[in-house]
């Protein structure tokens, strides 16, 4: 009898170790059909959330929406994640091409009201405790454009197109476009895009402020990864509080926003990274990298 080569299979110890290396986000979303999450492939503490429905250019159907929400719920409780990169798969050739119009066509007003209950996928992204970078690797139209708007920073490939074409279907943007888009580009530009349904390229989107940067396709990953890494190495509590404060600016009058910023700033003096050793300041004075505990 030929002896089995012990290298042919993983030992239980090896399998256990591999399982231990998975983060809660990866474990909780491993069975998803269209939305996949990986932590660490773009850098330590960086989660990549990839939408992969290539047969429909990543159109948002109910499965994609539900899986996106589950991923962001998992991320909210995962200490291994400090920054999120949201993108479409290379196979799909799009960020998100829009809502799945075949689903919209079959719904009654009662059914649409039910699926439009808050919180929706847009709120799941906008309320993520970690900053979210939209890696717009292709067309972001309709609901896809609104999904990008729900992110904190948008880096787009120059071959991407963005827009809100809903009026051509007898509808209006229903995922936040009439509210978030004016905050990004101004009321006049938002109305021009929404009322005309015009699609714009990423370079024009950068000029308007719809995306922060438009970069050549070959440079997209390098730029996104560089930005994500620069955020991930900072104090995790400071990053969370700064994100909260800036998001609040769109919701509060200036005086209330300033008061909220002050409370968040002062509250950090009760954190381990400031109160117990002043890790950030000491690291700066000692010319070394800080060792954050995020507590």
Protein backbone atom coordinates (compact mmCIF):
# COMPACT_ATOMS: atom_id res chain seq x y z
CA UNK A 1 0.00 0.00 0.00
CA UNK A 2 1.31 3.41 -0.93
CA UNK A 3 1.58 5.76 1.98
CA UNK A 4 -0.28 9.04 1.70
CA UNK A 5 1.93 12.06 1.30
CA UNK A 6 1.15 14.26 4.35
CA UNK A 7 1.60 17.36 2.18
CA UNK A 8 -1.36 16.37 -0.01
CA UNK A 9 -3.84 17.81 2.50
CA UNK A 10 -3.80 20.61 4.97
CA UNK A 11 -3.33 19.50 8.53
CA UNK A 12 -6.06 20.50 11.00
CA UNK A 13 -3.66 23.01 12.48
CA UNK A 14 -3.10 24.64 9.10
CA UNK A 15 -6.82 24.81 8.40
CA UNK A 16 -7.49 26.31 11.81
CA UNK A 17 -4.80 28.90 11.25
CA UNK A 18 -6.26 29.86 7.87
CA UNK A 19 -9.71 30.23 9.43
CA UNK A 20 -8.27 32.37 12.21
CA UNK A 21 -6.80 34.72 9.63
CA UNK A 22 -10.23 35.53 8.23
CA UNK A 23 -11.78 38.67 9.62
CA UNK A 24 -15.41 38.82 10.80
CA UNK A 25 -16.31 40.68 7.61
CA UNK A 26 -14.86 37.94 5.42
CA UNK A 27 -16.49 35.14 7.43
CA UNK A 28 -19.92 36.78 7.58
CA UNK A 29 -20.08 37.47 3.85
CA UNK A 30 -18.30 34.41 2.44
CA UNK A 31 -21.50 32.97 0.97
CA UNK A 32 -22.59 36.11 -0.88
CA UNK A 33 -23.42 35.70 -4.53
CA UNK A 34 -22.55 39.13 -5.93
CA UNK A 35 -20.85 41.24 -3.24
CA UNK A 36 -17.51 40.06 -1.91
CA UNK A 37 -15.27 41.47 0.80
CA UNK A 38 -11.56 41.02 1.37
CA UNK A 39 -9.51 42.63 4.12
CA UNK A 40 -5.84 43.34 3.60
CA UNK A 41 -5.41 42.89 -0.15
CA UNK A 42 -5.01 46.66 -0.62
CA UNK A 43 -3.13 47.17 2.62
CA UNK A 44 -3.44 46.52 6.31
CA UNK A 45 -6.83 47.54 7.78
CA UNK A 46 -8.26 48.18 4.30
CA UNK A 47 -11.39 46.29 3.25
CA UNK A 48 -12.22 45.94 -0.44
CA UNK A 49 -15.92 45.51 -1.16
CA UNK A 50 -16.42 44.38 -4.74
CA UNK A 51 -19.72 44.18 -6.58
CA UNK A 52 -19.66 41.37 -9.14
CA UNK A 53 -22.76 40.93 -11.28
CA UNK A 54 -21.15 41.04 -14.72
CA UNK A 55 -24.17 39.82 -16.68
CA UNK A 56 -26.01 43.02 -15.69
CA UNK A 57 -23.06 45.41 -15.38
CA UNK A 58 -23.55 45.37 -11.59
CA UNK A 59 -27.12 46.67 -11.73
CA UNK A 60 -28.58 46.94 -8.24
CA UNK A 61 -31.14 44.20 -7.82
CA UNK A 62 -32.50 43.11 -4.46
CA UNK A 63 -29.79 40.51 -3.97
CA UNK A 64 -26.98 43.02 -4.55
CA UNK A 65 -28.64 45.55 -2.26
CA UNK A 66 -29.15 43.02 0.53
CA UNK A 67 -25.59 41.73 0.26
CA UNK A 68 -24.14 45.23 0.28
CA UNK A 69 -26.06 46.01 3.43
CA UNK A 70 -24.87 42.79 5.10
CA UNK A 71 -21.25 43.55 4.18
CA UNK A 72 -21.39 47.05 5.64
CA UNK A 73 -23.10 45.76 8.78
CA UNK A 74 -20.22 43.31 9.23
CA UNK A 75 -17.62 46.01 8.61
CA UNK A 76 -19.16 48.20 11.32
CA UNK A 77 -18.26 45.52 13.90
CA UNK A 78 -14.87 44.52 12.51
CA UNK A 79 -11.82 45.95 14.29
CA UNK A 80 -9.64 44.75 11.41
CA UNK A 81 -11.16 47.40 9.11
CA UNK A 82 -10.33 51.10 9.23
CA UNK A 83 -10.91 52.08 5.58
CA UNK A 84 -13.26 50.68 2.94
CA UNK A 85 -12.78 50.67 -0.83
CA UNK A 86 -16.06 50.10 -2.68
CA UNK A 87 -15.75 49.11 -6.34
CA UNK A 88 -17.09 47.09 -9.22
CA UNK A 89 -15.40 43.97 -10.51
CA UNK A 90 -13.19 44.07 -13.58
CA UNK A 91 -15.42 41.46 -15.22
CA UNK A 92 -18.48 43.70 -14.88
CA UNK A 93 -16.72 46.62 -16.54
CA UNK A 94 -18.70 49.04 -14.41
CA UNK A 95 -18.96 50.48 -10.93
CA UNK A 96 -22.76 50.13 -10.90
CA UNK A 97 -24.68 50.71 -14.12
CA UNK A 98 -27.86 51.63 -12.24
CA UNK A 99 -30.90 50.04 -10.65
CA UNK A 100 -32.26 46.83 -12.11
CA UNK A 101 -35.07 48.28 -14.24
CA UNK A 102 -36.64 44.85 -14.75
CA UNK A 103 -37.45 44.82 -11.02
CA UNK A 104 -38.74 48.39 -11.11
CA UNK A 105 -41.04 47.57 -14.01
CA UNK A 106 -42.91 44.92 -12.05
CA UNK A 107 -43.50 46.84 -8.82
CA UNK A 108 -46.63 48.53 -7.64
CA UNK A 109 -46.49 51.69 -5.56
CA UNK A 110 -47.08 49.62 -2.42
CA UNK A 111 -44.21 47.26 -3.29
CA UNK A 112 -41.85 50.13 -4.13
CA UNK A 113 -42.67 51.88 -0.89
CA UNK A 114 -41.84 48.70 1.02
CA UNK A 115 -38.44 48.22 -0.64
CA UNK A 116 -37.66 51.93 -0.19
CA UNK A 117 -37.92 51.79 3.61
CA UNK A 118 -34.94 53.14 5.50
CA UNK A 119 -32.20 52.20 6.05
CA UNK A 120 -31.39 51.37 2.44
CA UNK A 121 -28.06 50.40 0.93
CA UNK A 122 -27.19 54.08 0.46
CA UNK A 123 -27.57 54.76 4.17
CA UNK A 124 -25.57 51.63 5.00
CA UNK A 125 -22.66 53.09 3.04
CA UNK A 126 -23.11 56.69 4.20
CA UNK A 127 -23.33 55.66 7.87
CA UNK A 128 -20.33 53.30 7.84
CA UNK A 129 -18.12 54.18 10.82
CA UNK A 130 -15.06 53.87 8.56
CA UNK A 131 -14.39 56.26 5.68
CA UNK A 132 -15.47 54.78 2.35
CA UNK A 133 -13.57 55.39 -0.90
CA UNK A 134 -15.49 54.79 -4.11
CA UNK A 135 -13.16 53.28 -6.69
CA UNK A 136 -15.24 54.17 -9.75
CA UNK A 137 -13.77 51.75 -12.27
CA UNK A 138 -16.51 52.21 -14.88
CA UNK A 139 -19.97 53.65 -15.43
CA UNK A 140 -21.79 54.89 -12.31
CA UNK A 141 -25.30 55.69 -13.45
CA UNK A 142 -28.58 56.23 -11.62
CA UNK A 143 -28.44 54.22 -8.42
CA UNK A 144 -24.74 53.60 -9.08
CA UNK A 145 -24.04 57.32 -9.15
CA UNK A 146 -26.04 57.67 -5.93
CA UNK A 147 -24.04 54.86 -4.36
CA UNK A 148 -20.83 56.71 -5.20
CA UNK A 149 -22.30 59.91 -3.74
CA UNK A 150 -22.96 58.05 -0.47
CA UNK A 151 -19.22 57.34 -0.18
CA UNK A 152 -16.84 59.80 1.49
CA UNK A 153 -14.30 60.12 -1.34
CA UNK A 154 -14.63 59.23 -5.03
CA UNK A 155 -11.67 58.33 -7.26
CA UNK A 156 -12.75 57.62 -10.83
CA UNK A 157 -11.14 56.16 -13.91
CA UNK A 158 -11.10 58.65 -16.79
CA UNK A 159 -13.05 56.20 -18.95
CA UNK A 160 -15.98 56.15 -16.49
CA UNK A 161 -19.29 57.90 -17.12
CA UNK A 162 -21.50 59.28 -14.37
CA UNK A 163 -25.03 60.61 -14.37
CA UNK A 164 -28.65 60.49 -13.21
CA UNK A 165 -30.73 59.39 -16.21
CA UNK A 166 -33.92 58.60 -14.25
CA UNK A 167 -36.09 61.30 -15.82
CA UNK A 168 -35.79 59.44 -19.11
CA UNK A 169 -37.68 56.59 -17.44
CA UNK A 170 -40.37 58.86 -16.03
CA UNK A 171 -38.76 58.78 -12.58
CA UNK A 172 -36.49 60.89 -10.39
CA UNK A 173 -33.38 59.80 -8.51
CA UNK A 174 -34.65 57.86 -5.51
CA UNK A 175 -31.45 56.84 -3.73
CA UNK A 176 -30.36 60.25 -2.50
CA UNK A 177 -29.42 61.92 -5.79
CA UNK A 178 -31.66 64.94 -5.34
CA UNK A 179 -30.15 65.53 -1.89
CA UNK A 180 -26.49 64.47 -2.02
CA UNK A 181 -25.72 65.66 -5.54
CA UNK A 182 -26.54 69.36 -4.84
CA UNK A 183 -24.31 69.19 -1.77
CA UNK A 184 -21.44 68.02 -3.96
CA UNK A 185 -21.83 70.10 -7.11
CA UNK A 186 -24.29 72.87 -6.23
CA UNK A 187 -27.99 73.21 -6.95
CA UNK A 188 -27.71 74.46 -10.53
CA UNK A 189 -25.30 71.76 -11.70
CA UNK A 190 -27.34 69.10 -9.91
CA UNK A 191 -30.53 70.22 -11.60
CA UNK A 192 -28.79 70.30 -14.98
CA UNK A 193 -27.65 66.70 -14.59
CA UNK A 194 -30.90 65.40 -13.11
CA UNK A 195 -33.34 67.19 -15.43
CA UNK A 196 -31.41 66.48 -18.63
CA UNK A 197 -30.28 62.97 -17.73
CA UNK A 198 -26.97 63.91 -19.33
CA UNK A 199 -24.01 61.61 -18.72
CA UNK A 200 -20.62 63.18 -18.05
CA UNK A 201 -17.15 61.72 -18.14
CA UNK A 202 -14.97 61.49 -15.06
CA UNK A 203 -12.86 64.50 -16.01
CA UNK A 204 -15.96 66.71 -16.11
CA UNK A 205 -17.20 65.07 -12.90
CA UNK A 206 -13.91 66.08 -11.25
CA UNK A 207 -14.30 69.66 -12.46
CA UNK A 208 -17.80 69.82 -10.98
CA UNK A 209 -16.83 68.17 -7.70
CA UNK A 210 -18.81 64.98 -8.21
CA UNK A 211 -15.56 63.03 -7.93
CA UNK A 212 -12.44 64.16 -6.12
CA UNK A 213 -10.00 62.78 -8.70
CA UNK A 214 -10.13 61.39 -12.24
CA UNK A 215 -7.10 59.27 -13.09
CA UNK A 216 -6.10 57.12 -16.09
CA UNK A 217 -7.31 53.51 -15.80
CA UNK A 218 -3.78 52.18 -15.41
CA UNK A 219 -3.21 54.45 -12.41
CA UNK A 220 -6.51 53.86 -10.63
CA UNK A 221 -5.37 51.10 -8.28
CA UNK A 222 -2.14 52.84 -7.37
CA UNK A 223 -3.96 56.05 -6.43
CA UNK A 224 -6.74 54.33 -4.51
CA UNK A 225 -4.31 52.10 -2.63
CA UNK A 226 -2.05 55.03 -1.78
CA UNK A 227 -4.94 57.05 -0.38
CA UNK A 228 -6.36 54.10 1.57
CA UNK A 229 -2.95 53.37 3.10
CA UNK A 230 -2.43 56.98 4.13
CA UNK A 231 -5.75 56.89 5.99
CA UNK A 232 -5.29 53.43 7.50
CA UNK A 233 -2.02 54.28 9.26
CA UNK A 234 -3.55 57.21 11.12
CA UNK A 235 -5.18 56.98 14.55
CA UNK A 236 -8.35 54.91 14.02
CA UNK A 237 -10.31 56.92 16.58
CA UNK A 238 -9.18 60.21 15.06
CA UNK A 239 -10.18 59.00 11.59
CA UNK A 240 -13.62 57.96 12.84
CA UNK A 241 -14.22 61.24 14.65
CA UNK A 242 -13.00 63.36 11.74
CA UNK A 243 -15.30 61.44 9.40
CA UNK A 244 -18.23 61.96 11.77
CA UNK A 245 -17.52 65.68 12.07
CA UNK A 246 -17.25 66.32 8.33
CA UNK A 247 -20.37 64.29 7.58
CA UNK A 248 -22.23 66.32 10.20
CA UNK A 249 -21.34 69.55 8.38
CA UNK A 250 -23.94 68.79 5.72
CA UNK A 251 -26.64 68.19 8.33
CA UNK A 252 -26.11 70.98 10.87
CA UNK A 253 -26.03 74.77 10.97
CA UNK A 254 -22.50 76.14 11.38
CA UNK A 255 -22.80 76.94 15.10
CA UNK A 256 -24.12 73.45 15.87
CA UNK A 257 -21.41 71.90 13.72
CA UNK A 258 -18.67 73.80 15.49
CA UNK A 259 -20.01 72.71 18.88
CA UNK A 260 -20.17 69.10 17.67
CA UNK A 261 -16.59 69.28 16.37
CA UNK A 262 -15.43 70.66 19.72
CA UNK A 263 -17.02 67.76 21.61
CA UNK A 264 -15.47 65.17 19.31
CA UNK A 265 -12.07 66.88 19.61
CA UNK A 266 -12.18 67.09 23.39
CA UNK A 267 -13.47 63.54 23.69
CA UNK A 268 -10.30 62.19 22.08
CA UNK A 269 -8.37 63.41 25.10
CA UNK A 270 -10.08 60.59 27.01
CA UNK A 271 -8.81 57.93 24.59
CA UNK A 272 -5.86 55.65 25.26
CA UNK A 273 -3.94 57.00 22.28
CA UNK A 274 -4.03 60.51 23.75
CA UNK A 275 -4.73 60.32 27.48
CA UNK A 276 -2.57 57.30 28.29
CA UNK A 277 0.81 58.21 26.89
CA UNK A 278 0.00 60.66 24.12
CA UNK A 279 1.11 58.10 21.57
CA UNK A 280 0.65 60.29 18.51
CA UNK A 281 2.41 63.33 19.94
CA UNK A 282 5.22 61.25 21.46
CA UNK A 283 5.76 59.39 18.19
CA UNK A 284 5.95 62.72 16.35
CA UNK A 285 8.49 64.14 18.83
CA UNK A 286 10.53 60.93 18.79
CA UNK A 287 10.43 60.68 14.97
CA UNK A 288 8.92 57.20 14.89
CA UNK A 289 5.76 55.51 13.65
CA UNK A 290 2.93 55.56 16.22
CA UNK A 291 1.53 52.31 17.57
CA UNK A 292 -2.20 52.97 17.76
CA UNK A 293 -4.48 50.98 20.01
CA UNK A 294 -7.64 52.70 18.81
CA UNK A 295 -9.14 52.79 22.29
